[in-house]
């Protein structure tokens, strides 16, 4: 399957916490947990359980970039270094090298300027669990 989402991180499901409507799926990607909140129907249809290979998928527009130690409700926070910043008229594409791989974010040029983002700078990719989709082969 080919999809347009830039961020695709392969790993193994380590936990599934079931709820009435939604569940929380945790995937180990390079020794780091990536958490997704998805519907119980999807969990069942995909056969998600501990040990299953899966891919965490995130659109670049769903990735926020921050600095330093952040206390947030967002479950997925991956520290790293900026690899590149591709300038656009309104939005820029920021690539961040992290423990789970290269995370790509589409954020406003104003935010890039305010944060002083450039290659080599430390930053944190922040992704809400509800923004993570799960795929299987």
N, C-alpha and C. Protein backbone atom coordinates (compact mmCIF):
# COMPACT_ATOMS: atom_id res chain seq x y z
N UNK A 1 0.84 -1.18 0.00
CA UNK A 1 0.00 0.00 0.00
C UNK A 1 0.88 1.24 0.00
N UNK A 2 0.62 2.16 -0.90
CA UNK A 2 1.29 3.45 -0.91
C UNK A 2 0.27 4.50 -0.51
N UNK A 3 0.69 5.38 0.40
CA UNK A 3 -0.19 6.46 0.84
C UNK A 3 0.60 7.76 0.88
N UNK A 4 -0.11 8.86 0.95
CA UNK A 4 0.55 10.17 0.91
C UNK A 4 1.12 10.62 2.24
N UNK A 5 0.75 9.98 3.34
CA UNK A 5 1.27 10.39 4.65
C UNK A 5 2.78 10.18 4.68
N UNK A 6 3.51 11.25 5.03
CA UNK A 6 4.97 11.20 5.01
C UNK A 6 5.57 10.37 6.13
N UNK A 7 4.89 10.30 7.26
CA UNK A 7 5.43 9.63 8.43
C UNK A 7 4.85 8.23 8.56
N UNK A 8 5.70 7.22 8.36
CA UNK A 8 5.30 5.83 8.48
C UNK A 8 6.39 5.09 9.26
N UNK A 9 6.03 4.58 10.44
CA UNK A 9 7.01 3.98 11.33
C UNK A 9 6.61 2.53 11.64
N UNK A 10 7.39 1.58 11.14
CA UNK A 10 7.11 0.16 11.33
C UNK A 10 7.60 -0.30 12.69
N UNK A 11 6.82 -1.21 13.29
CA UNK A 11 7.20 -1.78 14.58
C UNK A 11 6.29 -2.93 14.94
N UNK A 12 6.28 -3.28 16.22
CA UNK A 12 5.44 -4.36 16.74
C UNK A 12 4.51 -3.82 17.81
N UNK A 13 3.28 -4.28 17.77
CA UNK A 13 2.32 -3.93 18.81
C UNK A 13 2.81 -4.53 20.13
N UNK A 14 2.86 -3.70 21.17
CA UNK A 14 3.27 -4.19 22.49
C UNK A 14 2.09 -4.23 23.46
N UNK A 15 1.05 -3.44 23.19
CA UNK A 15 -0.09 -3.42 24.09
C UNK A 15 -1.32 -2.89 23.37
N UNK A 16 -2.47 -3.42 23.78
CA UNK A 16 -3.77 -2.91 23.33
C UNK A 16 -4.63 -2.77 24.57
N UNK A 17 -5.03 -1.55 24.87
CA UNK A 17 -5.92 -1.29 26.00
C UNK A 17 -7.30 -1.01 25.43
N UNK A 18 -8.24 -1.90 25.72
CA UNK A 18 -9.56 -1.80 25.13
C UNK A 18 -10.48 -0.91 25.96
N UNK A 19 -11.27 -0.10 25.25
CA UNK A 19 -12.30 0.71 25.88
C UNK A 19 -13.64 0.37 25.25
N UNK A 20 -14.68 1.10 25.62
CA UNK A 20 -16.01 0.83 25.09
C UNK A 20 -16.10 1.15 23.60
N UNK A 21 -15.54 2.27 23.19
CA UNK A 21 -15.61 2.72 21.80
C UNK A 21 -14.24 2.77 21.15
N UNK A 22 -13.26 3.30 21.88
CA UNK A 22 -11.89 3.43 21.37
C UNK A 22 -10.95 2.58 22.21
N UNK A 23 -9.79 2.33 21.65
CA UNK A 23 -8.74 1.63 22.37
C UNK A 23 -7.42 2.36 22.17
N UNK A 24 -6.45 2.02 23.01
CA UNK A 24 -5.12 2.60 22.90
C UNK A 24 -4.17 1.49 22.48
N UNK A 25 -3.52 1.70 21.33
CA UNK A 25 -2.59 0.73 20.79
C UNK A 25 -1.18 1.31 20.91
N UNK A 26 -0.28 0.52 21.48
CA UNK A 26 1.11 0.95 21.59
C UNK A 26 1.97 0.09 20.68
N UNK A 27 2.77 0.74 19.86
CA UNK A 27 3.68 0.07 18.94
C UNK A 27 5.10 0.41 19.34
N UNK A 28 5.97 -0.60 19.43
CA UNK A 28 7.38 -0.37 19.69
C UNK A 28 8.06 -0.08 18.35
N UNK A 29 8.63 1.12 18.24
CA UNK A 29 9.38 1.52 17.05
C UNK A 29 10.80 1.83 17.50
N UNK A 30 11.72 1.00 17.12
CA UNK A 30 13.14 1.18 17.50
C UNK A 30 13.32 1.34 19.00
N UNK A 31 12.56 0.56 19.78
CA UNK A 31 12.70 0.61 21.23
C UNK A 31 11.96 1.75 21.90
N UNK A 32 11.15 2.47 21.15
CA UNK A 32 10.40 3.61 21.67
C UNK A 32 8.91 3.41 21.42
N UNK A 33 8.08 3.64 22.45
CA UNK A 33 6.64 3.46 22.24
C UNK A 33 6.01 4.59 21.43
N UNK A 34 5.16 4.21 20.49
CA UNK A 34 4.33 5.15 19.74
C UNK A 34 2.89 4.75 20.05
N UNK A 35 2.10 5.69 20.52
CA UNK A 35 0.75 5.40 20.98
C UNK A 35 -0.29 5.96 20.02
N UNK A 36 -1.32 5.15 19.75
CA UNK A 36 -2.42 5.55 18.88
C UNK A 36 -3.74 5.28 19.58
N UNK A 37 -4.66 6.22 19.47
CA UNK A 37 -6.03 6.01 19.94
C UNK A 37 -6.89 5.80 18.70
N UNK A 38 -7.42 4.58 18.56
CA UNK A 38 -8.25 4.25 17.40
C UNK A 38 -9.50 3.52 17.87
N UNK A 39 -10.45 3.37 16.97
CA UNK A 39 -11.71 2.72 17.34
C UNK A 39 -11.51 1.24 17.64
N UNK A 40 -12.36 0.72 18.52
CA UNK A 40 -12.33 -0.71 18.82
C UNK A 40 -12.66 -1.51 17.57
N UNK A 41 -13.54 -0.97 16.71
CA UNK A 41 -13.87 -1.66 15.46
C UNK A 41 -12.62 -1.85 14.61
N UNK A 42 -11.78 -0.81 14.53
CA UNK A 42 -10.54 -0.91 13.75
C UNK A 42 -9.57 -1.89 14.39
N UNK A 43 -9.47 -1.86 15.71
CA UNK A 43 -8.58 -2.79 16.41
C UNK A 43 -8.97 -4.23 16.07
N UNK A 44 -10.26 -4.52 16.10
CA UNK A 44 -10.75 -5.87 15.80
C UNK A 44 -10.54 -6.23 14.33
N UNK A 45 -10.89 -5.29 13.42
CA UNK A 45 -10.77 -5.55 11.98
C UNK A 45 -9.33 -5.80 11.56
N UNK A 46 -8.39 -5.09 12.20
CA UNK A 46 -6.97 -5.24 11.87
C UNK A 46 -6.32 -6.41 12.63
N UNK A 47 -7.02 -6.96 13.60
CA UNK A 47 -6.46 -8.05 14.38
C UNK A 47 -5.27 -7.60 15.22
N UNK A 48 -5.35 -6.41 15.76
CA UNK A 48 -4.23 -5.87 16.53
C UNK A 48 -4.15 -6.51 17.90
N UNK A 49 -2.98 -7.06 18.18
CA UNK A 49 -2.69 -7.67 19.48
C UNK A 49 -1.18 -7.66 19.66
N UNK A 50 -0.74 -7.85 20.88
CA UNK A 50 0.69 -7.84 21.18
C UNK A 50 1.43 -8.83 20.27
N UNK A 51 2.55 -8.37 19.71
CA UNK A 51 3.37 -9.20 18.83
C UNK A 51 3.10 -9.01 17.35
N UNK A 52 1.99 -8.38 17.01
CA UNK A 52 1.62 -8.16 15.60
C UNK A 52 2.45 -7.05 14.99
N UNK A 53 2.98 -7.25 13.79
CA UNK A 53 3.65 -6.19 13.06
C UNK A 53 2.62 -5.14 12.66
N UNK A 54 2.98 -3.88 12.78
CA UNK A 54 2.07 -2.79 12.42
C UNK A 54 2.89 -1.56 12.07
N UNK A 55 2.22 -0.60 11.45
CA UNK A 55 2.87 0.65 11.06
C UNK A 55 2.07 1.81 11.63
N UNK A 56 2.77 2.71 12.33
CA UNK A 56 2.16 3.95 12.80
C UNK A 56 2.27 4.96 11.67
N UNK A 57 1.15 5.58 11.32
CA UNK A 57 1.10 6.51 10.19
C UNK A 57 0.58 7.86 10.69
N UNK A 58 1.30 8.93 10.32
CA UNK A 58 0.92 10.27 10.76
C UNK A 58 1.13 11.25 9.61
N UNK A 59 0.09 12.02 9.29
CA UNK A 59 0.25 13.07 8.29
C UNK A 59 1.17 14.15 8.84
N UNK A 60 1.98 14.74 7.99
CA UNK A 60 2.93 15.79 8.41
C UNK A 60 2.21 16.99 9.02
N UNK A 61 0.99 17.25 8.60
CA UNK A 61 0.24 18.38 9.15
C UNK A 61 -0.23 18.15 10.57
N UNK A 62 -0.14 16.90 11.04
CA UNK A 62 -0.56 16.56 12.41
C UNK A 62 0.61 16.58 13.40
N UNK A 63 1.81 16.92 12.92
CA UNK A 63 3.00 16.95 13.77
C UNK A 63 3.29 18.38 14.19
N UNK A 64 3.42 18.58 15.50
CA UNK A 64 3.83 19.88 16.02
C UNK A 64 5.31 19.81 16.38
N UNK A 65 5.98 20.95 16.36
CA UNK A 65 7.39 21.01 16.73
C UNK A 65 7.54 21.96 17.91
N UNK A 66 8.30 21.53 18.91
CA UNK A 66 8.55 22.36 20.08
C UNK A 66 10.01 22.33 20.46
N UNK A 67 10.31 22.99 21.57
CA UNK A 67 11.68 23.05 22.07
C UNK A 67 11.72 22.61 23.53
N UNK A 68 12.82 22.03 23.94
CA UNK A 68 13.04 21.72 25.35
C UNK A 68 12.13 20.64 25.88
N UNK A 69 12.05 20.58 27.20
CA UNK A 69 11.21 19.60 27.89
C UNK A 69 9.80 20.14 27.96
N UNK A 70 8.86 19.40 27.39
CA UNK A 70 7.49 19.87 27.31
C UNK A 70 6.57 19.02 28.19
N UNK A 71 5.76 19.67 29.01
CA UNK A 71 4.76 18.96 29.79
C UNK A 71 3.43 19.18 29.08
N UNK A 72 2.99 18.14 28.39
CA UNK A 72 1.78 18.21 27.58
C UNK A 72 0.98 16.92 27.74
N UNK A 73 -0.27 16.97 27.32
CA UNK A 73 -1.08 15.76 27.34
C UNK A 73 -0.81 14.86 26.14
N UNK A 74 -0.13 15.38 25.13
CA UNK A 74 0.17 14.58 23.94
C UNK A 74 1.09 13.43 24.32
N UNK A 75 0.68 12.21 24.01
CA UNK A 75 1.42 11.01 24.42
C UNK A 75 2.74 10.82 23.68
N UNK A 76 2.81 11.27 22.44
CA UNK A 76 3.97 11.01 21.60
C UNK A 76 4.84 12.26 21.50
N UNK A 77 6.01 12.20 22.12
CA UNK A 77 6.97 13.30 22.06
C UNK A 77 8.34 12.70 21.78
N UNK A 78 8.94 13.12 20.65
CA UNK A 78 10.19 12.53 20.21
C UNK A 78 11.24 13.62 20.00
N UNK A 79 12.23 13.64 20.88
CA UNK A 79 13.30 14.62 20.78
C UNK A 79 14.25 14.24 19.65
N UNK A 80 14.85 15.24 19.04
CA UNK A 80 15.80 14.98 17.97
C UNK A 80 16.46 16.26 17.49
N UNK A 81 17.05 16.16 16.31
CA UNK A 81 17.71 17.30 15.68
C UNK A 81 17.07 17.58 14.33
N UNK A 82 16.94 18.85 14.02
CA UNK A 82 16.42 19.25 12.72
C UNK A 82 17.42 18.83 11.65
N UNK A 83 16.91 18.11 10.65
CA UNK A 83 17.73 17.68 9.52
C UNK A 83 17.67 18.74 8.42
N UNK A 84 16.45 19.25 8.17
CA UNK A 84 16.29 20.24 7.11
C UNK A 84 15.01 21.03 7.31
N UNK A 85 14.99 22.20 6.69
CA UNK A 85 13.79 23.03 6.64
C UNK A 85 13.60 23.45 5.18
N UNK A 86 12.49 23.00 4.60
CA UNK A 86 12.16 23.37 3.22
C UNK A 86 11.16 24.51 3.27
N UNK A 87 11.59 25.68 2.80
CA UNK A 87 10.77 26.88 2.89
C UNK A 87 9.65 26.88 1.86
N UNK A 88 8.50 27.36 2.29
CA UNK A 88 7.37 27.56 1.41
C UNK A 88 6.87 28.99 1.56
N UNK A 89 5.86 29.36 0.81
CA UNK A 89 5.33 30.72 0.89
C UNK A 89 4.62 30.96 2.22
N UNK A 90 3.91 29.96 2.72
CA UNK A 90 3.16 30.07 3.97
C UNK A 90 3.61 29.03 4.98
N UNK A 91 3.74 27.79 4.54
CA UNK A 91 4.15 26.68 5.40
C UNK A 91 5.52 26.17 4.99
N UNK A 92 6.23 25.62 5.97
CA UNK A 92 7.54 25.02 5.72
C UNK A 92 7.47 23.54 6.09
N UNK A 93 8.34 22.75 5.51
CA UNK A 93 8.45 21.34 5.84
C UNK A 93 9.71 21.15 6.66
N UNK A 94 9.53 20.69 7.89
CA UNK A 94 10.65 20.48 8.81
C UNK A 94 10.85 18.99 8.99
N UNK A 95 12.09 18.52 8.81
CA UNK A 95 12.43 17.12 9.03
C UNK A 95 13.31 17.05 10.26
N UNK A 96 12.91 16.14 11.18
CA UNK A 96 13.57 15.99 12.46
C UNK A 96 14.04 14.55 12.61
N UNK A 97 15.33 14.34 12.87
CA UNK A 97 15.88 13.01 13.08
C UNK A 97 15.65 12.63 14.53
N UNK A 98 14.86 11.55 14.77
CA UNK A 98 14.50 11.12 16.13
C UNK A 98 14.80 9.62 16.29
N UNK A 99 14.58 9.10 17.49
CA UNK A 99 14.81 7.67 17.74
C UNK A 99 13.87 6.77 16.93
N UNK A 100 12.71 7.26 16.53
CA UNK A 100 11.79 6.44 15.74
C UNK A 100 12.04 6.59 14.24
N UNK A 101 12.94 7.49 13.85
CA UNK A 101 13.22 7.75 12.44
C UNK A 101 13.03 9.22 12.15
N UNK A 102 13.03 9.56 10.88
CA UNK A 102 12.83 10.95 10.48
C UNK A 102 11.35 11.29 10.55
N UNK A 103 11.03 12.29 11.37
CA UNK A 103 9.65 12.77 11.50
C UNK A 103 9.54 14.05 10.67
N UNK A 104 8.54 14.10 9.80
CA UNK A 104 8.32 15.26 8.95
C UNK A 104 7.10 16.03 9.45
N UNK A 105 7.26 17.34 9.58
CA UNK A 105 6.18 18.21 10.03
C UNK A 105 5.96 19.33 9.02
N UNK A 106 4.70 19.65 8.78
CA UNK A 106 4.36 20.83 7.98
C UNK A 106 3.83 21.86 8.95
N UNK A 107 4.61 22.93 9.16
CA UNK A 107 4.22 23.98 10.10
C UNK A 107 4.39 25.34 9.44
N UNK A 108 3.80 26.35 10.04
CA UNK A 108 3.85 27.68 9.43
C UNK A 108 5.26 28.23 9.40
N UNK A 109 5.53 29.05 8.39
CA UNK A 109 6.83 29.70 8.30
C UNK A 109 7.06 30.60 9.52
N UNK A 110 5.98 31.20 10.02
CA UNK A 110 6.08 32.03 11.21
C UNK A 110 6.58 31.24 12.41
N UNK A 111 6.07 30.02 12.58
CA UNK A 111 6.51 29.17 13.69
C UNK A 111 7.98 28.78 13.53
N UNK A 112 8.37 28.48 12.29
CA UNK A 112 9.77 28.14 12.03
C UNK A 112 10.67 29.31 12.42
N UNK A 113 10.25 30.51 12.06
CA UNK A 113 11.04 31.71 12.39
C UNK A 113 11.09 31.93 13.90
N UNK A 114 9.93 31.84 14.56
CA UNK A 114 9.87 32.07 16.01
C UNK A 114 10.71 31.07 16.79
N UNK A 115 10.74 29.82 16.34
CA UNK A 115 11.51 28.79 17.01
C UNK A 115 12.98 28.76 16.57
N UNK A 116 13.28 29.52 15.51
CA UNK A 116 14.65 29.54 15.00
C UNK A 116 15.09 28.19 14.47
N UNK A 117 14.16 27.47 13.84
CA UNK A 117 14.46 26.12 13.36
C UNK A 117 15.38 26.16 12.15
N UNK A 118 16.45 25.40 12.25
CA UNK A 118 17.40 25.24 11.16
C UNK A 118 18.15 23.93 11.39
N UNK A 119 18.81 23.45 10.36
CA UNK A 119 19.53 22.18 10.45
C UNK A 119 20.48 22.20 11.65
N UNK A 120 20.44 21.10 12.43
CA UNK A 120 21.32 20.96 13.58
C UNK A 120 20.72 21.39 14.90
N UNK A 121 19.60 22.09 14.87
CA UNK A 121 18.98 22.56 16.11
C UNK A 121 18.19 21.44 16.79
N UNK A 122 18.28 21.38 18.12
CA UNK A 122 17.48 20.43 18.89
C UNK A 122 16.02 20.85 18.87
N UNK A 123 15.12 19.87 18.76
CA UNK A 123 13.68 20.15 18.76
C UNK A 123 12.96 18.87 19.18
N UNK A 124 11.64 18.99 19.37
CA UNK A 124 10.81 17.87 19.77
C UNK A 124 9.60 17.78 18.84
N UNK A 125 9.38 16.58 18.29
CA UNK A 125 8.18 16.34 17.49
C UNK A 125 7.09 15.89 18.46
N UNK A 126 5.91 16.51 18.37
CA UNK A 126 4.79 16.21 19.26
C UNK A 126 3.61 15.75 18.41
N UNK A 127 3.07 14.57 18.76
CA UNK A 127 1.96 14.01 17.99
C UNK A 127 0.92 13.47 18.96
N UNK A 128 -0.31 13.98 18.89
CA UNK A 128 -1.39 13.44 19.72
C UNK A 128 -1.70 12.00 19.29
N UNK A 129 -2.03 11.17 20.25
CA UNK A 129 -2.34 9.77 19.97
C UNK A 129 -3.52 9.63 19.00
N UNK A 130 -4.44 10.60 19.05
CA UNK A 130 -5.60 10.56 18.14
C UNK A 130 -5.22 10.90 16.70
N UNK A 131 -4.01 11.39 16.49
CA UNK A 131 -3.53 11.71 15.14
C UNK A 131 -2.74 10.57 14.51
N UNK A 132 -2.55 9.47 15.25
CA UNK A 132 -1.79 8.33 14.75
C UNK A 132 -2.77 7.28 14.21
N UNK A 133 -2.56 6.91 12.95
CA UNK A 133 -3.33 5.83 12.34
C UNK A 133 -2.47 4.57 12.38
N UNK A 134 -3.09 3.42 12.33
CA UNK A 134 -2.36 2.15 12.34
C UNK A 134 -2.66 1.40 11.05
N UNK A 135 -1.61 0.88 10.44
CA UNK A 135 -1.75 0.06 9.25
C UNK A 135 -1.07 -1.29 9.45
N UNK A 136 -1.50 -2.27 8.68
CA UNK A 136 -0.88 -3.58 8.69
C UNK A 136 -0.66 -4.01 7.25
N UNK A 137 0.24 -4.96 7.05
CA UNK A 137 0.48 -5.51 5.70
C UNK A 137 -0.44 -6.68 5.47
